[in-house]
Amino acid sequence: MKCDWVRQNILFYVYNELEDDARYEVEQHLGRCPECALELKAARKFHATLSEMPVAEPSPNLLAASRMRLQEALETARPGRFWQRLIFEPATWLRQIRMSPALAAAIFIVGFGGGMGATYNFLSARGGEGVVTSSVGPPVNEPLESSAIAGIRSVTQEPGSNQVSIKYDTLSTQEAQGSLNDQRIQQLLLFAARNNYNSGVRMDSVDVLTQAPDDSRVREALLYALQNDSNPGVRLKALEGLGGFVRQDARVRDGVLRALLADENAGVRMQALRLVEPMKADSNVRSVLTRLSQTDPNASIRSQVRTMLAQMPEMD
């Protein structure tokens, strides 16, 4: 066994992540290789140091932003490299499978799951022949763990009512129906507004959430969409839901002012400007407006801001 392979797997050995046969091979090599034994000693010291440090839990906003960036990156990733390696370098991956039973088991599971998924899609494509569609899962009012949701497929609201239907993926696509007051519906809407890779679904989710902005969780989700969503239409919809709280909620006012200063879309900045106009006498708002009158890249916004400032009385 080569030293390179052992050193690549020493951390797995320290964390007890190796299969029994691979672990045995590592131990045999370590008994006759002083250099790798020193590498093991350093890895164990590193592990002990990390174990003494406190573990910080990621904030919900950081977790949601990370998921969104990952989903967008997966959408734009260029396929092909893995399959090229699989076809043109069979000796490499066969050797990896031989040395790692866990990898072989994972490949088997993925293959089995892919076969089941392909069968399901094939039957669904035939128009539902022999397929029974059902909504499997906990009752609507039972709390839902966001970690169990893979993605939201669609959000639809029954016209003229507060009844919402949401299709979401776990291991398979499911559907939940209920009113805006149902806890499960609210959780799914909040998840879709923060995490979903489909901008149309995020738009629909934020649109429904704007009907209940009094909920602090909803307001937080709207602020998150305003500050982080890549789609300007979603950000505009979030501003619409937050408009009634600019005066009474300092966090909302600060979020709208940040959008006014930093949003790259002129339409979003213009809408934010309309929301803060009634509060132009506030010192923070006035400071932002003064800055915008000189720095905003849009001539129409600069002109409107200067008009607003000219209409204000001079401060003593």
Protein backbone atom coordinates (compact mmCIF):
# COMPACT_ATOMS: atom_id res chain seq x y z
CA MET A 1 0.00 0.00 0.00
CA LYS A 2 1.36 3.43 -1.00
CA CYS A 3 1.96 6.25 1.49
CA ASP A 4 -0.07 8.69 -0.65
CA TRP A 5 -3.25 6.65 -0.25
CA VAL A 6 -2.71 6.25 3.50
CA ARG A 7 -2.15 9.98 4.02
CA GLN A 8 -5.26 10.79 2.05
CA ASN A 9 -7.26 8.57 4.41
CA ILE A 10 -5.62 9.35 7.75
CA LEU A 11 -8.31 11.87 8.71
CA PHE A 12 -11.00 9.31 7.88
CA TYR A 13 -9.10 6.87 10.10
CA VAL A 14 -8.96 9.38 12.98
CA TYR A 15 -12.68 10.11 12.68
CA ASN A 16 -13.56 6.37 12.41
CA GLU A 17 -15.00 6.80 8.92
CA LEU A 18 -13.12 3.93 7.25
CA GLU A 19 -14.52 0.48 6.60
CA ASP A 20 -12.99 -2.37 8.61
CA ASP A 21 -10.85 -3.72 5.76
CA ALA A 22 -9.49 -0.27 4.80
CA ARG A 23 -8.86 0.50 8.47
CA TYR A 24 -6.90 -2.75 8.83
CA GLU A 25 -4.76 -1.88 5.78
CA VAL A 26 -4.03 1.59 7.21
CA GLU A 27 -3.01 0.15 10.58
CA GLN A 28 -0.72 -2.40 8.94
CA HIS A 29 0.98 0.33 6.93
CA LEU A 30 1.34 2.64 9.93
CA GLY A 31 3.14 -0.11 11.85
CA ARG A 32 5.95 -0.22 9.28
CA CYS A 33 6.09 3.40 8.05
CA PRO A 34 7.48 5.99 10.54
CA GLU A 35 6.63 8.94 8.28
CA CYS A 36 2.94 8.02 8.06
CA ALA A 37 2.92 7.33 11.80
CA LEU A 38 4.07 10.94 12.35
CA GLU A 39 1.31 12.09 10.02
CA LEU A 40 -1.21 10.18 12.15
CA LYS A 41 0.15 11.76 15.33
CA ALA A 42 -0.24 15.25 13.84
CA ALA A 43 -3.79 14.45 12.66
CA ARG A 44 -4.78 13.24 16.13
CA LYS A 45 -3.34 16.39 17.71
CA PHE A 46 -5.28 18.51 15.22
CA HIS A 47 -8.46 16.55 16.00
CA ALA A 48 -7.98 17.04 19.74
CA THR A 49 -7.49 20.78 19.28
CA LEU A 50 -10.68 21.08 17.23
CA SER A 51 -12.62 19.05 19.79
CA GLU A 52 -11.82 21.63 22.47
CA MET A 53 -13.24 24.50 20.43
CA PRO A 54 -16.94 25.48 20.70
CA VAL A 55 -19.10 24.62 17.69
CA ALA A 56 -21.02 27.59 16.30
CA GLU A 57 -24.42 26.85 14.79
CA PRO A 58 -25.06 28.61 11.45
CA SER A 59 -27.82 31.21 11.49
CA PRO A 60 -31.04 30.49 9.51
CA ASN A 61 -30.18 33.35 7.12
CA LEU A 62 -26.69 31.97 6.44
CA LEU A 63 -28.07 28.47 5.92
CA ALA A 64 -30.77 29.70 3.55
CA ALA A 65 -28.33 31.85 1.57
CA SER A 66 -25.89 28.96 1.28
CA ARG A 67 -28.60 26.63 0.01
CA MET A 68 -29.71 29.18 -2.56
CA ARG A 69 -26.17 29.74 -3.82
CA LEU A 70 -25.60 25.99 -4.03
CA GLN A 71 -28.79 25.47 -6.01
CA GLU A 72 -27.91 28.28 -8.42
CA ALA A 73 -24.38 26.90 -8.81
CA LEU A 74 -25.73 23.43 -9.58
CA GLU A 75 -28.04 24.93 -12.20
CA THR A 76 -25.14 26.62 -14.00
CA ALA A 77 -22.53 23.86 -13.53
CA ARG A 78 -21.13 22.40 -16.73
CA PRO A 79 -21.86 18.66 -16.90
CA GLY A 80 -19.64 16.06 -18.46
CA ARG A 81 -16.41 15.84 -16.50
CA PHE A 82 -17.57 13.07 -14.21
CA TRP A 83 -18.87 10.97 -17.10
CA GLN A 84 -15.70 11.56 -19.09
CA ARG A 85 -13.62 10.31 -16.17
CA LEU A 86 -16.00 7.39 -15.70
CA ILE A 87 -15.62 6.35 -19.35
CA PHE A 88 -11.99 7.18 -20.07
CA GLU A 89 -10.39 6.37 -16.70
CA PRO A 90 -12.01 3.07 -15.64
CA ALA A 91 -8.86 1.85 -13.90
CA THR A 92 -8.92 4.78 -11.50
CA TRP A 93 -12.48 4.41 -10.30
CA LEU A 94 -12.30 0.61 -10.23
CA ARG A 95 -9.28 0.89 -7.93
CA GLN A 96 -11.17 3.37 -5.73
CA ILE A 97 -14.12 1.00 -5.49
CA ARG A 98 -11.83 -1.87 -4.54
CA MET A 99 -10.20 0.17 -1.78
CA SER A 100 -13.48 1.65 -0.51
CA PRO A 101 -16.41 -0.72 0.05
CA ALA A 102 -18.45 2.27 1.25
CA LEU A 103 -18.05 3.90 -2.18
CA ALA A 104 -19.18 0.71 -3.89
CA ALA A 105 -22.24 0.56 -1.66
CA ALA A 106 -23.01 4.23 -2.38
CA ILE A 107 -22.78 3.62 -6.15
CA PHE A 108 -25.14 0.68 -5.81
CA ILE A 109 -27.66 2.77 -3.81
CA VAL A 110 -27.49 5.66 -6.29
CA GLY A 111 -27.97 3.28 -9.20
CA PHE A 112 -30.91 1.59 -7.53
CA GLY A 113 -32.51 4.95 -6.70
CA GLY A 114 -31.94 6.20 -10.24
CA GLY A 115 -33.65 3.11 -11.64
CA MET A 116 -36.65 3.62 -9.39
CA GLY A 117 -36.84 7.30 -10.34
CA ALA A 118 -36.63 6.52 -14.05
CA THR A 119 -39.41 3.95 -13.72
CA TYR A 120 -41.60 6.44 -11.89
CA ASN A 121 -40.98 9.17 -14.51
CA PHE A 122 -41.69 6.72 -17.33
CA LEU A 123 -45.02 5.71 -15.82
CA SER A 124 -45.93 9.33 -15.12
CA ALA A 125 -45.13 10.29 -18.74
CA ARG A 126 -47.67 7.74 -19.96
CA GLY A 127 -50.45 9.91 -18.61
CA GLY A 128 -50.86 8.27 -15.25
CA GLU A 129 -51.69 4.74 -16.45
CA GLY A 130 -51.41 2.54 -13.40
CA VAL A 131 -50.12 5.41 -11.26
CA VAL A 132 -52.07 6.66 -8.26
CA THR A 133 -51.22 10.20 -7.16
CA SER A 134 -51.46 10.75 -3.44
CA SER A 135 -50.43 13.33 -0.89
CA VAL A 136 -48.26 11.33 1.47
CA GLY A 137 -46.93 12.98 4.60
CA PRO A 138 -47.86 14.42 7.96
CA PRO A 139 -51.17 16.28 8.39
CA VAL A 140 -51.26 19.91 7.28
CA ASN A 141 -51.10 21.30 10.81
CA GLU A 142 -48.12 19.19 11.87
CA PRO A 143 -44.79 21.07 12.06
CA LEU A 144 -42.43 20.41 9.18
CA GLU A 145 -38.63 20.26 9.43
CA SER A 146 -37.10 22.42 6.67
CA SER A 147 -34.15 20.00 6.48
CA ALA A 148 -36.60 17.37 5.16
CA ILE A 149 -37.57 19.54 2.16
CA ALA A 150 -35.57 19.16 -1.06
CA GLY A 151 -37.40 21.94 -2.92
CA ILE A 152 -40.74 23.58 -3.68
CA ARG A 153 -42.25 22.85 -7.08
CA SER A 154 -45.23 25.23 -7.11
CA VAL A 155 -47.33 27.57 -4.97
CA THR A 156 -50.92 28.32 -6.01
CA GLN A 157 -53.66 30.21 -4.19
CA GLU A 158 -57.35 29.63 -4.81
CA PRO A 159 -58.78 32.90 -6.19
CA GLY A 160 -60.84 34.82 -3.69
CA SER A 161 -59.80 32.75 -0.67
CA ASN A 162 -56.87 32.15 1.64
CA GLN A 163 -56.56 28.49 0.62
CA VAL A 164 -53.09 27.61 -0.66
CA SER A 165 -51.77 24.50 -2.41
CA ILE A 166 -48.04 23.77 -2.29
CA LYS A 167 -46.23 20.94 -4.08
CA TYR A 168 -42.85 20.13 -2.54
CA ASP A 169 -40.16 17.48 -2.85
CA THR A 170 -38.73 15.24 -0.17
CA LEU A 171 -37.77 11.83 -1.52
CA SER A 172 -40.76 12.26 -3.83
CA THR A 173 -43.06 15.13 -4.76
CA GLN A 174 -45.77 15.76 -2.18
CA GLU A 175 -48.56 18.29 -1.82
CA ALA A 176 -49.96 20.18 1.14
CA GLN A 177 -53.22 22.14 1.08
CA GLY A 178 -54.67 24.46 3.67
CA SER A 179 -55.29 28.05 4.69
CA LEU A 180 -52.69 30.71 5.32
CA ASN A 181 -53.26 30.18 9.04
CA ASP A 182 -52.03 26.56 8.93
CA GLN A 183 -48.57 26.18 10.45
CA ARG A 184 -47.40 23.70 7.81
CA ILE A 185 -48.48 25.98 4.96
CA GLN A 186 -46.66 28.90 6.58
CA GLN A 187 -43.49 26.84 7.01
CA LEU A 188 -43.53 25.75 3.37
CA LEU A 189 -44.09 29.31 2.16
CA LEU A 190 -41.23 30.61 4.30
CA PHE A 191 -38.96 27.84 3.02
CA ALA A 192 -39.88 28.54 -0.61
CA ALA A 193 -39.29 32.27 -0.22
CA ARG A 194 -35.77 31.71 1.15
CA ASN A 195 -34.45 28.57 -0.50
CA ASN A 196 -36.13 27.62 -3.72
CA TYR A 197 -34.03 27.58 -6.90
CA ASN A 198 -37.06 28.51 -9.07
CA SER A 199 -37.55 32.29 -9.13
CA GLY A 200 -41.20 31.87 -10.20
CA VAL A 201 -41.93 29.79 -7.10
CA ARG A 202 -40.13 32.34 -4.91
CA MET A 203 -42.27 35.06 -6.49
CA ASP A 204 -45.49 33.14 -5.80
CA SER A 205 -44.42 32.42 -2.23
CA VAL A 206 -43.54 36.04 -1.47
CA ASP A 207 -46.80 37.14 -3.11
CA VAL A 208 -48.80 34.95 -0.73
CA LEU A 209 -46.70 35.96 2.27
CA THR A 210 -47.42 39.66 1.64
CA GLN A 211 -51.00 38.92 2.69
CA ALA A 212 -49.83 38.21 6.26
CA PRO A 213 -46.94 40.64 6.95
CA ASP A 214 -48.01 41.10 10.60
CA ASP A 215 -46.26 37.81 11.45
CA SER A 216 -42.68 38.56 12.51
CA ARG A 217 -41.39 35.45 10.71
CA VAL A 218 -43.07 36.57 7.49
CA ARG A 219 -41.59 40.06 7.83
CA GLU A 220 -38.15 38.55 8.35
CA ALA A 221 -38.58 36.39 5.23
CA LEU A 222 -39.63 39.43 3.20
CA LEU A 223 -36.59 41.36 4.44
CA TYR A 224 -34.38 38.42 3.51
CA ALA A 225 -35.88 38.32 0.00
CA LEU A 226 -35.40 42.09 -0.37
CA GLN A 227 -31.73 41.88 0.58
CA ASN A 228 -30.69 38.57 -1.01
CA ASP A 229 -32.98 37.40 -3.79
CA SER A 230 -31.33 37.47 -7.23
CA ASN A 231 -34.63 38.22 -9.02
CA PRO A 232 -35.66 41.93 -9.01
CA GLY A 233 -39.32 40.97 -9.38
CA VAL A 234 -39.15 39.04 -6.09
CA ARG A 235 -37.44 42.00 -4.41
CA LEU A 236 -40.17 44.35 -5.66
CA LYS A 237 -42.84 41.99 -4.35
CA ALA A 238 -41.09 41.90 -0.97
CA LEU A 239 -41.07 45.73 -0.88
CA GLU A 240 -44.80 45.68 -1.53
CA GLY A 241 -45.36 43.50 1.53
CA LEU A 242 -43.07 45.60 3.74
CA GLY A 243 -44.48 48.99 2.69
CA GLY A 244 -46.91 49.31 5.58
CA PHE A 245 -44.20 48.81 8.20
CA VAL A 246 -41.54 51.32 7.13
CA ARG A 247 -42.74 53.90 9.67
CA GLN A 248 -43.31 51.64 12.68
CA ASP A 249 -40.58 49.00 12.34
CA ALA A 250 -36.97 50.23 12.45
CA ARG A 251 -35.64 46.97 10.96
CA VAL A 252 -37.96 47.31 7.96
CA ARG A 253 -36.99 50.95 7.51
CA ASP A 254 -33.29 50.08 7.63
CA GLY A 255 -33.80 47.25 5.13
CA VAL A 256 -35.62 49.56 2.70
CA LEU A 257 -32.87 52.19 3.06
CA ARG A 258 -30.21 49.54 2.31
CA ALA A 259 -32.14 48.58 -0.82
CA LEU A 260 -32.36 52.25 -1.77
CA LEU A 261 -28.60 52.61 -1.48
CA ALA A 262 -27.34 49.28 -2.80
CA ASP A 263 -29.89 47.49 -4.97
CA GLU A 264 -28.58 47.16 -8.52
CA ASN A 265 -32.05 47.47 -10.07
CA ALA A 266 -33.30 51.02 -10.64
CA GLY A 267 -36.93 49.92 -10.39
CA VAL A 268 -36.35 48.45 -6.94
CA ARG A 269 -34.55 51.62 -5.81
CA MET A 270 -37.38 53.79 -7.16
CA GLN A 271 -39.99 51.77 -5.26
CA ALA A 272 -37.90 51.97 -2.08
CA LEU A 273 -37.69 55.74 -2.56
CA ARG A 274 -41.50 55.99 -2.72
CA LEU A 275 -41.79 54.03 0.54
CA VAL A 276 -39.44 56.31 2.50
CA GLU A 277 -40.72 59.59 1.03
CA PRO A 278 -43.31 60.13 3.82
CA MET A 279 -40.41 59.87 6.32
CA LYS A 280 -38.00 62.19 4.52
CA ALA A 281 -37.75 64.43 7.60
CA ASP A 282 -36.21 61.56 9.60
CA SER A 283 -32.48 62.25 10.06
CA ASN A 284 -31.38 58.80 8.80
CA VAL A 285 -33.66 59.00 5.76
CA ARG A 286 -32.50 62.53 5.01
CA SER A 287 -28.86 61.45 5.21
CA VAL A 288 -29.47 58.64 2.71
CA LEU A 289 -31.38 60.96 0.37
CA THR A 290 -28.55 63.51 0.47
CA ARG A 291 -26.08 60.82 -0.48
CA LEU A 292 -28.30 59.51 -3.28
CA SER A 293 -28.73 62.97 -4.78
CA GLN A 294 -25.04 62.87 -5.67
CA THR A 295 -24.21 59.20 -6.18
CA ASP A 296 -27.19 57.29 -7.61
CA PRO A 297 -26.35 56.11 -11.16
CA ASN A 298 -29.93 56.74 -12.35
CA ALA A 299 -30.57 60.35 -13.43
CA SER A 300 -34.33 60.10 -12.78
CA ILE A 301 -33.76 58.95 -9.18
CA ARG A 302 -31.19 61.72 -8.57
CA SER A 303 -33.64 64.32 -9.90
CA GLN A 304 -36.54 63.03 -7.79
CA VAL A 305 -34.37 62.92 -4.65
CA ARG A 306 -33.20 66.50 -5.19
CA THR A 307 -36.81 67.62 -5.60
CA MET A 308 -37.72 65.91 -2.32
CA LEU A 309 -34.81 67.54 -0.52
CA ALA A 310 -35.68 70.97 -1.94
CA GLN A 311 -39.21 70.69 -0.54
CA MET A 312 -37.94 69.99 2.96
CA PRO A 313 -37.40 72.82 5.47
CA GLU A 314 -33.83 73.63 6.38
CA MET A 315 -32.63 71.97 9.58
CA ASP A 316 -31.38 74.22 12.37
